[in-house]
Amino acid sequence: MSGVTTCLRFPGQLNSDLRKLAVNMVPFPRLHFFMPGFAPLTSRGSQQYRALSVNELTQQAFDAKNMMAACDPRHGRYLTVALIFRGRMSMKEVDEQMLSVQSKNSCYFVEWIPNNVKTAVCDIPPRGLKMSATFVGNSTSIQELFKRVSEQFTAMFRRKAFLHWYTGEGMDEMEFTEAESNMNDLVSEYQQYQDASADDEDEDDYEEYERDE
């Protein structure tokens, strides 16, 4: 939260705000579940021996080990990404790193949303660090987390475990079934956009054009 609100609290070369972040990060209303990350994640004792650079921060930020969600981004594709850098650094270097990441790992980014990595740079680093990066990713791999929750829920719901606590307060069993159905629909939607390609988008546009005629 501190990293995301940095641009609201400190001056920087390229500022961002929460409205911009929400607009850029959510391409479809239901797909608004983000994977946060932070770099550098090093022990306090070893910080002085690590040479930090924009390249190092970028590599760490996109590393699955630095994600603060229990899913692997390599199992999905990024719809959108936001990176908020803090510290004294060159905007040119930041832009070059973002282009490099997207070109070298293009299979992990959906091709039908161009320029889907947004950056912000704040001049004031966090206390005790020379520079840092906060990562916010909207990745289809987040469906792994929902699948896990759904499987655990199904196993417990089948045995009606703890259900009496909720029905005793006035809830209905159907509400749980609907919630499970909604979560499964969400997983399907993430998978649909993970499998989608630019060609599919073009075909849909062409079909709409034919109907209009």
C-alpha atoms as a PDB file:
ATOM      1  CA  MET A   1       0.000   0.000   0.000  1.00  0.00           C
ATOM      2  CA  SER A   2       2.896   2.298   0.803  1.00  0.00           C
ATOM      3  CA  GLY A   3       4.400   1.742  -2.652  1.00  0.00           C
ATOM      4  CA  VAL A   4       1.121   2.254  -4.515  1.00  0.00           C
ATOM      5  CA  THR A   5       0.400   5.569  -2.756  1.00  0.00           C
ATOM      6  CA  THR A   6       3.980   6.871  -3.076  1.00  0.00           C
ATOM      7  CA  CYS A   7       3.144   9.257  -5.927  1.00  0.00           C
ATOM      8  CA  LEU A   8       0.395  10.856  -3.848  1.00  0.00           C
ATOM      9  CA  ARG A   9       2.816  11.600  -1.008  1.00  0.00           C
ATOM     10  CA  PHE A  10       6.135  12.468  -2.649  1.00  0.00           C
ATOM     11  CA  PRO A  11       7.308  14.346  -5.766  1.00  0.00           C
ATOM     12  CA  GLY A  12       8.527  12.373  -8.775  1.00  0.00           C
ATOM     13  CA  GLN A  13       9.483  12.466 -12.459  1.00  0.00           C
ATOM     14  CA  LEU A  14       6.432  10.500 -13.600  1.00  0.00           C
ATOM     15  CA  ASN A  15       3.527  10.506 -11.186  1.00  0.00           C
ATOM     16  CA  SER A  16       0.516   8.235 -11.033  1.00  0.00           C
ATOM     17  CA  ASP A  17      -2.609   8.238  -8.881  1.00  0.00           C
ATOM     18  CA  LEU A  18      -5.136   5.631  -7.777  1.00  0.00           C
ATOM     19  CA  ARG A  19      -7.639   6.591 -10.493  1.00  0.00           C
ATOM     20  CA  LYS A  20      -5.026   6.155 -13.243  1.00  0.00           C
ATOM     21  CA  LEU A  21      -3.958   2.872 -11.693  1.00  0.00           C
ATOM     22  CA  ALA A  22      -7.526   1.532 -11.613  1.00  0.00           C
ATOM     23  CA  VAL A  23      -8.256   2.638 -15.198  1.00  0.00           C
ATOM     24  CA  ASN A  24      -5.036   1.143 -16.580  1.00  0.00           C
ATOM     25  CA  MET A  25      -5.079  -2.066 -14.559  1.00  0.00           C
ATOM     26  CA  VAL A  26      -8.670  -3.294 -15.027  1.00  0.00           C
ATOM     27  CA  PRO A  27      -9.436  -4.112 -18.688  1.00  0.00           C
ATOM     28  CA  PHE A  28     -12.654  -5.981 -17.754  1.00  0.00           C
ATOM     29  CA  PRO A  29     -14.819  -5.189 -14.695  1.00  0.00           C
ATOM     30  CA  ARG A  30     -14.687  -8.666 -13.122  1.00  0.00           C
ATOM     31  CA  LEU A  31     -10.934  -9.149 -13.602  1.00  0.00           C
ATOM     32  CA  HIS A  32      -9.786  -6.806 -10.846  1.00  0.00           C
ATOM     33  CA  PHE A  33      -7.729  -9.141  -8.653  1.00  0.00           C
ATOM     34  CA  PHE A  34      -4.071  -8.121  -8.545  1.00  0.00           C
ATOM     35  CA  MET A  35      -0.799  -9.820  -7.657  1.00  0.00           C
ATOM     36  CA  PRO A  36       1.388  -7.467  -5.598  1.00  0.00           C
ATOM     37  CA  GLY A  37       5.163  -7.715  -5.385  1.00  0.00           C
ATOM     38  CA  PHE A  38       8.139  -5.789  -4.064  1.00  0.00           C
ATOM     39  CA  ALA A  39      11.853  -5.485  -4.802  1.00  0.00           C
ATOM     40  CA  PRO A  40      14.420  -5.708  -3.372  1.00  0.00           C
ATOM     41  CA  LEU A  41      13.483  -8.476  -0.936  1.00  0.00           C
ATOM     42  CA  THR A  42      16.800  -8.908   0.889  1.00  0.00           C
ATOM     43  CA  SER A  43      17.730  -9.296   4.530  1.00  0.00           C
ATOM     44  CA  ARG A  44      18.693  -6.107   6.336  1.00  0.00           C
ATOM     45  CA  GLY A  45      22.227  -7.394   6.946  1.00  0.00           C
ATOM     46  CA  SER A  46      23.000  -8.094   3.276  1.00  0.00           C
ATOM     47  CA  GLN A  47      21.597  -4.854   1.809  1.00  0.00           C
ATOM     48  CA  GLN A  48      24.945  -3.048   1.864  1.00  0.00           C
ATOM     49  CA  TYR A  49      26.569  -5.784  -0.257  1.00  0.00           C
ATOM     50  CA  ARG A  50      23.977  -5.727  -3.062  1.00  0.00           C
ATOM     51  CA  ALA A  51      24.388  -3.271  -5.908  1.00  0.00           C
ATOM     52  CA  LEU A  52      20.895  -2.129  -6.858  1.00  0.00           C
ATOM     53  CA  SER A  53      20.072  -0.988 -10.386  1.00  0.00           C
ATOM     54  CA  VAL A  54      16.921  -0.559 -12.474  1.00  0.00           C
ATOM     55  CA  ASN A  55      17.745  -3.831 -14.244  1.00  0.00           C
ATOM     56  CA  GLU A  56      18.128  -5.708 -10.943  1.00  0.00           C
ATOM     57  CA  LEU A  57      14.888  -4.236  -9.546  1.00  0.00           C
ATOM     58  CA  THR A  58      12.961  -5.139 -12.704  1.00  0.00           C
ATOM     59  CA  GLN A  59      14.232  -8.728 -12.693  1.00  0.00           C
ATOM     60  CA  GLN A  60      13.333  -9.140  -9.028  1.00  0.00           C
ATOM     61  CA  ALA A  61       9.915  -7.487  -9.422  1.00  0.00           C
ATOM     62  CA  PHE A  62       8.866  -9.947 -12.159  1.00  0.00           C
ATOM     63  CA  ASP A  63      10.328 -12.937 -10.283  1.00  0.00           C
ATOM     64  CA  ALA A  64       7.722 -15.398  -8.979  1.00  0.00           C
ATOM     65  CA  LYS A  65       9.588 -15.526  -5.622  1.00  0.00           C
ATOM     66  CA  ASN A  66       8.852 -11.826  -5.054  1.00  0.00           C
ATOM     67  CA  MET A  67       5.081 -12.155  -5.575  1.00  0.00           C
ATOM     68  CA  MET A  68       2.877 -11.780  -2.524  1.00  0.00           C
ATOM     69  CA  ALA A  69       0.124 -14.031  -3.850  1.00  0.00           C
ATOM     70  CA  ALA A  70       0.159 -17.833  -3.763  1.00  0.00           C
ATOM     71  CA  CYS A  71       0.280 -18.359  -7.530  1.00  0.00           C
ATOM     72  CA  ASP A  72       2.976 -18.540 -10.208  1.00  0.00           C
ATOM     73  CA  PRO A  73       2.757 -15.841 -12.924  1.00  0.00           C
ATOM     74  CA  ARG A  74       4.556 -18.200 -15.336  1.00  0.00           C
ATOM     75  CA  HIS A  75       1.369 -20.308 -15.439  1.00  0.00           C
ATOM     76  CA  GLY A  76      -0.658 -17.452 -16.940  1.00  0.00           C
ATOM     77  CA  ARG A  77      -0.351 -14.248 -18.928  1.00  0.00           C
ATOM     78  CA  TYR A  78      -0.275 -10.640 -17.823  1.00  0.00           C
ATOM     79  CA  LEU A  79      -3.244  -8.526 -18.882  1.00  0.00           C
ATOM     80  CA  THR A  80      -1.717  -5.382 -17.356  1.00  0.00           C
ATOM     81  CA  VAL A  81       1.211  -4.472 -15.098  1.00  0.00           C
ATOM     82  CA  ALA A  82       2.086  -1.379 -13.044  1.00  0.00           C
ATOM     83  CA  LEU A  83       5.563  -0.744 -11.627  1.00  0.00           C
ATOM     84  CA  ILE A  84       6.210   2.100  -9.197  1.00  0.00           C
ATOM     85  CA  PHE A  85       9.926   2.841  -8.825  1.00  0.00           C
ATOM     86  CA  ARG A  86      11.377   4.849  -5.936  1.00  0.00           C
ATOM     87  CA  GLY A  87      14.817   6.472  -5.830  1.00  0.00           C
ATOM     88  CA  ARG A  88      17.111   8.457  -8.102  1.00  0.00           C
ATOM     89  CA  MET A  89      17.103   6.826 -11.529  1.00  0.00           C
ATOM     90  CA  SER A  90      16.901   7.624 -15.221  1.00  0.00           C
ATOM     91  CA  MET A  91      13.470   7.561 -16.890  1.00  0.00           C
ATOM     92  CA  LYS A  92      15.191   6.434 -20.092  1.00  0.00           C
ATOM     93  CA  GLU A  93      16.629   3.407 -18.315  1.00  0.00           C
ATOM     94  CA  VAL A  94      13.215   2.537 -16.838  1.00  0.00           C
ATOM     95  CA  ASP A  95      11.536   2.721 -20.269  1.00  0.00           C
ATOM     96  CA  GLU A  96      14.290   0.615 -21.854  1.00  0.00           C
ATOM     97  CA  GLN A  97      13.926  -2.055 -19.171  1.00  0.00           C
ATOM     98  CA  MET A  98      10.156  -2.221 -19.644  1.00  0.00           C
ATOM     99  CA  LEU A  99      10.541  -2.617 -23.424  1.00  0.00           C
ATOM    100  CA  SER A 100      13.185  -5.293 -22.881  1.00  0.00           C
ATOM    101  CA  VAL A 101      10.987  -7.277 -20.476  1.00  0.00           C
ATOM    102  CA  GLN A 102       8.012  -7.189 -22.850  1.00  0.00           C
ATOM    103  CA  SER A 103      10.013  -8.130 -25.954  1.00  0.00           C
ATOM    104  CA  LYS A 104      11.954 -10.976 -24.273  1.00  0.00           C
ATOM    105  CA  ASN A 105       8.892 -12.392 -22.482  1.00  0.00           C
ATOM    106  CA  SER A 106       6.163 -11.586 -24.995  1.00  0.00           C
ATOM    107  CA  CYS A 107       4.496 -14.994 -24.484  1.00  0.00           C
ATOM    108  CA  TYR A 108       3.686 -13.956 -20.886  1.00  0.00           C
ATOM    109  CA  PHE A 109       1.833 -10.799 -21.984  1.00  0.00           C
ATOM    110  CA  VAL A 110      -1.454 -10.758 -23.911  1.00  0.00           C
ATOM    111  CA  GLU A 111      -0.802  -9.304 -27.354  1.00  0.00           C
ATOM    112  CA  TRP A 112      -4.240  -7.728 -27.728  1.00  0.00           C
ATOM    113  CA  ILE A 113      -3.524  -5.051 -25.078  1.00  0.00           C
ATOM    114  CA  PRO A 114      -0.586  -3.017 -26.436  1.00  0.00           C
ATOM    115  CA  ASN A 115       1.738  -1.126 -24.053  1.00  0.00           C
ATOM    116  CA  ASN A 116       0.223  -2.890 -21.053  1.00  0.00           C
ATOM    117  CA  VAL A 117       3.089  -2.083 -18.648  1.00  0.00           C
ATOM    118  CA  LYS A 118       2.673   1.276 -16.891  1.00  0.00           C
ATOM    119  CA  THR A 119       5.433   2.883 -14.835  1.00  0.00           C
ATOM    120  CA  ALA A 120       5.731   5.654 -12.268  1.00  0.00           C
ATOM    121  CA  VAL A 121       8.941   7.061 -10.795  1.00  0.00           C
ATOM    122  CA  CYS A 122       9.170   8.794  -7.410  1.00  0.00           C
ATOM    123  CA  ASP A 123      12.432  10.508  -6.472  1.00  0.00           C
ATOM    124  CA  ILE A 124      12.226   9.733  -2.728  1.00  0.00           C
ATOM    125  CA  PRO A 125      13.444   6.193  -1.844  1.00  0.00           C
ATOM    126  CA  PRO A 126      12.113   4.220   1.142  1.00  0.00           C
ATOM    127  CA  ARG A 127      14.009   4.604   4.417  1.00  0.00           C
ATOM    128  CA  GLY A 128      17.126   2.426   4.439  1.00  0.00           C
ATOM    129  CA  LEU A 129      17.171   1.766   0.667  1.00  0.00           C
ATOM    130  CA  LYS A 130      18.684   3.583  -2.308  1.00  0.00           C
ATOM    131  CA  MET A 131      15.905   2.466  -4.634  1.00  0.00           C
ATOM    132  CA  SER A 132      12.958   0.085  -4.730  1.00  0.00           C
ATOM    133  CA  ALA A 133      10.110  -1.089  -6.957  1.00  0.00           C
ATOM    134  CA  THR A 134       6.497  -1.931  -6.141  1.00  0.00           C
ATOM    135  CA  PHE A 135       4.862  -4.370  -8.560  1.00  0.00           C
ATOM    136  CA  VAL A 136       1.125  -4.699  -9.238  1.00  0.00           C
ATOM    137  CA  GLY A 137       0.154  -7.275 -11.853  1.00  0.00           C
ATOM    138  CA  ASN A 138      -3.197  -8.313 -13.288  1.00  0.00           C
ATOM    139  CA  SER A 139      -2.341 -11.861 -14.332  1.00  0.00           C
ATOM    140  CA  THR A 140      -4.604 -14.704 -15.439  1.00  0.00           C
ATOM    141  CA  SER A 141      -2.529 -17.017 -13.208  1.00  0.00           C
ATOM    142  CA  ILE A 142      -4.474 -15.660 -10.203  1.00  0.00           C
ATOM    143  CA  GLN A 143      -7.092 -18.256 -11.187  1.00  0.00           C
ATOM    144  CA  GLU A 144      -4.840 -20.867  -9.483  1.00  0.00           C
ATOM    145  CA  LEU A 145      -5.682 -19.235  -6.161  1.00  0.00           C
ATOM    146  CA  PHE A 146      -9.428 -19.254  -6.867  1.00  0.00           C
ATOM    147  CA  LYS A 147      -9.300 -22.884  -8.028  1.00  0.00           C
ATOM    148  CA  ARG A 148      -7.627 -23.867  -4.764  1.00  0.00           C
ATOM    149  CA  VAL A 149     -10.234 -22.026  -2.694  1.00  0.00           C
ATOM    150  CA  SER A 150     -13.030 -23.585  -4.771  1.00  0.00           C
ATOM    151  CA  GLU A 151     -11.673 -27.129  -4.296  1.00  0.00           C
ATOM    152  CA  GLN A 152     -11.314 -26.640  -0.539  1.00  0.00           C
ATOM    153  CA  PHE A 153     -14.810 -25.143  -0.323  1.00  0.00           C
ATOM    154  CA  THR A 154     -16.352 -27.998  -2.341  1.00  0.00           C
ATOM    155  CA  ALA A 155     -14.760 -30.619  -0.069  1.00  0.00           C
ATOM    156  CA  MET A 156     -16.133 -28.912   3.063  1.00  0.00           C
ATOM    157  CA  PHE A 157     -19.527 -28.016   1.591  1.00  0.00           C
ATOM    158  CA  ARG A 158     -20.085 -31.635   0.536  1.00  0.00           C
ATOM    159  CA  ARG A 159     -19.810 -32.629   4.214  1.00  0.00           C
ATOM    160  CA  LYS A 160     -21.797 -29.539   5.260  1.00  0.00           C
ATOM    161  CA  ALA A 161     -18.937 -28.647   7.614  1.00  0.00           C
ATOM    162  CA  PHE A 162     -19.585 -25.529   9.736  1.00  0.00           C
ATOM    163  CA  LEU A 163     -22.726 -24.847   7.664  1.00  0.00           C
ATOM    164  CA  HIS A 164     -25.028 -24.733  10.697  1.00  0.00           C
ATOM    165  CA  TRP A 165     -23.271 -21.592  11.967  1.00  0.00           C
ATOM    166  CA  TYR A 166     -24.390 -19.726   8.851  1.00  0.00           C
ATOM    167  CA  THR A 167     -27.859 -21.220   8.371  1.00  0.00           C
ATOM    168  CA  GLY A 168     -28.513 -20.521  12.053  1.00  0.00           C
ATOM    169  CA  GLU A 169     -27.956 -16.813  11.337  1.00  0.00           C
ATOM    170  CA  GLY A 170     -30.489 -16.804   8.498  1.00  0.00           C
ATOM    171  CA  MET A 171     -28.379 -17.703   5.456  1.00  0.00           C
ATOM    172  CA  ASP A 172     -29.562 -20.223   2.881  1.00  0.00           C
ATOM    173  CA  GLU A 173     -27.589 -23.121   1.370  1.00  0.00           C
ATOM    174  CA  MET A 174     -28.346 -21.760  -2.098  1.00  0.00           C
ATOM    175  CA  GLU A 175     -26.267 -18.663  -1.320  1.00  0.00           C
ATOM    176  CA  PHE A 176     -23.191 -20.876  -0.960  1.00  0.00           C
ATOM    177  CA  THR A 177     -23.972 -22.689  -4.208  1.00  0.00           C
ATOM    178  CA  GLU A 178     -24.355 -19.359  -6.026  1.00  0.00           C
ATOM    179  CA  ALA A 179     -21.065 -18.084  -4.577  1.00  0.00           C
ATOM    180  CA  GLU A 180     -19.299 -21.249  -5.770  1.00  0.00           C
ATOM    181  CA  SER A 181     -20.848 -20.844  -9.220  1.00  0.00           C
ATOM    182  CA  ASN A 182     -19.712 -17.195  -9.371  1.00  0.00           C
ATOM    183  CA  MET A 183     -16.153 -18.189  -8.497  1.00  0.00           C
ATOM    184  CA  ASN A 184     -16.108 -20.920 -11.160  1.00  0.00           C
ATOM    185  CA  ASP A 185     -17.399 -18.386 -13.711  1.00  0.00           C
ATOM    186  CA  LEU A 186     -14.576 -16.033 -12.716  1.00  0.00           C
ATOM    187  CA  VAL A 187     -11.982 -18.792 -13.247  1.00  0.00           C
ATOM    188  CA  SER A 188     -13.502 -19.546 -16.671  1.00  0.00           C
ATOM    189  CA  GLU A 189     -13.357 -15.853 -17.600  1.00  0.00           C
ATOM    190  CA  TYR A 190      -9.675 -15.619 -16.658  1.00  0.00           C
ATOM    191  CA  GLN A 191      -8.969 -18.748 -18.730  1.00  0.00           C
ATOM    192  CA  GLN A 192     -10.922 -17.336 -21.682  1.00  0.00           C
ATOM    193  CA  TYR A 193      -8.803 -14.170 -21.776  1.00  0.00           C
ATOM    194  CA  GLN A 194      -5.610 -16.163 -21.219  1.00  0.00           C
ATOM    195  CA  ASP A 195      -6.363 -18.233 -24.340  1.00  0.00           C
ATOM    196  CA  ALA A 196      -7.602 -15.264 -26.410  1.00  0.00           C
ATOM    197  CA  SER A 197      -5.406 -13.889 -29.192  1.00  0.00           C
ATOM    198  CA  ALA A 198      -5.390 -10.745 -31.306  1.00  0.00           C
ATOM    199  CA  ASP A 199      -6.798 -12.805 -34.210  1.00  0.00           C
ATOM    200  CA  ASP A 200      -9.858 -13.733 -32.111  1.00  0.00           C
ATOM    201  CA  GLU A 201     -10.489 -10.033 -31.422  1.00  0.00           C
ATOM    202  CA  ASP A 202     -10.252  -9.219 -35.140  1.00  0.00           C
ATOM    203  CA  GLU A 203     -12.722 -12.005 -36.005  1.00  0.00           C
ATOM    204  CA  ASP A 204     -15.234 -10.712 -33.429  1.00  0.00           C
ATOM    205  CA  ASP A 205     -14.943  -7.188 -34.850  1.00  0.00           C
ATOM    206  CA  TYR A 206     -15.455  -8.535 -38.387  1.00  0.00           C
ATOM    207  CA  GLU A 207     -18.589 -10.464 -37.358  1.00  0.00           C
ATOM    208  CA  GLU A 208     -20.042  -7.343 -35.707  1.00  0.00           C
ATOM    209  CA  TYR A 209     -19.277  -5.335 -38.856  1.00  0.00           C
ATOM    210  CA  GLU A 210     -21.125  -7.911 -41.003  1.00  0.00           C
ATOM    211  CA  ARG A 211     -24.179  -7.821 -38.697  1.00  0.00           C
ATOM    212  CA  ASP A 212     -24.274  -4.017 -38.857  1.00  0.00           C
ATOM    213  CA  GLU A 213     -24.369  -4.147 -42.668  1.00  0.00           C
END
